[in-house]
Amino acid sequence: MPERERERRILCMRFFCYTRFFCAMTQDRIGLQLSLWQMQVSRLIIRTCARPRDQVMAEACG
């Protein structure tokens, strides 16, 4: 993966996690700010949280 794409993904991950979990913004509100549908935001959050969740689970079981 090119470095620029990797950086973009990291920024997106941070934005979604920060706004959803620390600012208590709804998926609908995040979607309004980014011109996305709530369903798109939901799917992005699921994908964004999958890797850290998998890493934590692997460490807990390993």
Protein backbone atom coordinates (compact mmCIF):
# COMPACT_ATOMS: atom_id res chain seq x y z
CA MET A 1 0.00 0.00 0.00
CA PRO A 2 1.41 3.42 -0.91
CA GLU A 3 2.44 5.63 2.00
CA ARG A 4 -0.08 8.32 1.10
CA GLU A 5 -2.98 5.84 1.12
CA ARG A 6 -1.80 4.44 4.45
CA GLU A 7 -1.71 7.93 5.99
CA ARG A 8 -5.19 8.69 4.65
CA ARG A 9 -6.56 5.52 6.19
CA ILE A 10 -4.96 6.31 9.55
CA LEU A 11 -6.48 9.80 9.53
CA CYS A 12 -9.91 8.41 8.64
CA MET A 13 -9.65 5.83 11.40
CA ARG A 14 -8.74 8.48 13.95
CA PHE A 15 -11.53 10.80 12.81
CA PHE A 16 -14.24 8.14 12.95
CA CYS A 17 -13.12 6.79 16.32
CA TYR A 18 -12.69 10.23 17.86
CA THR A 19 -15.99 11.70 16.67
CA ARG A 20 -18.03 8.57 17.34
CA PHE A 21 -16.67 7.48 20.69
CA PHE A 22 -15.13 10.59 22.29
CA CYS A 23 -17.42 13.31 20.95
CA ALA A 24 -20.49 11.06 21.19
CA MET A 25 -21.54 12.04 17.68
CA THR A 26 -24.16 9.88 16.05
CA GLN A 27 -23.44 8.12 12.80
CA ASP A 28 -26.03 10.35 11.17
CA ARG A 29 -24.28 13.50 12.37
CA ILE A 30 -20.88 12.26 11.16
CA GLY A 31 -22.49 11.48 7.81
CA LEU A 32 -23.89 14.99 7.55
CA GLN A 33 -20.45 16.48 8.13
CA LEU A 34 -18.82 14.24 5.51
CA SER A 35 -21.70 14.13 3.02
CA LEU A 36 -22.16 10.40 3.55
CA TRP A 37 -25.19 8.30 4.37
CA GLN A 38 -25.51 6.91 7.87
CA MET A 39 -25.14 3.37 6.49
CA GLN A 40 -21.83 4.29 4.85
CA VAL A 41 -20.58 5.71 8.15
CA SER A 42 -21.70 2.56 9.96
CA ARG A 43 -19.78 0.34 7.56
CA LEU A 44 -16.68 2.53 7.78
CA ILE A 45 -16.74 2.44 11.58
CA ILE A 46 -17.09 -1.36 11.55
CA ARG A 47 -14.12 -1.71 9.19
CA THR A 48 -12.11 0.87 11.12
CA CYS A 49 -12.60 -0.92 14.44
CA ALA A 50 -12.02 -4.44 13.09
CA ARG A 51 -8.21 -4.41 13.07
CA PRO A 52 -7.67 -2.98 16.58
CA ARG A 53 -10.37 -5.34 17.94
CA ASP A 54 -8.70 -8.33 16.29
CA GLN A 55 -5.30 -7.30 17.69
CA VAL A 56 -6.67 -6.93 21.22
CA MET A 57 -8.42 -10.30 21.00
CA ALA A 58 -5.26 -11.97 19.70
CA GLU A 59 -3.20 -10.52 22.57
CA ALA A 60 -5.81 -11.56 25.13
CA CYS A 61 -5.92 -15.12 23.82
CA GLY A 62 -2.22 -15.44 23.09
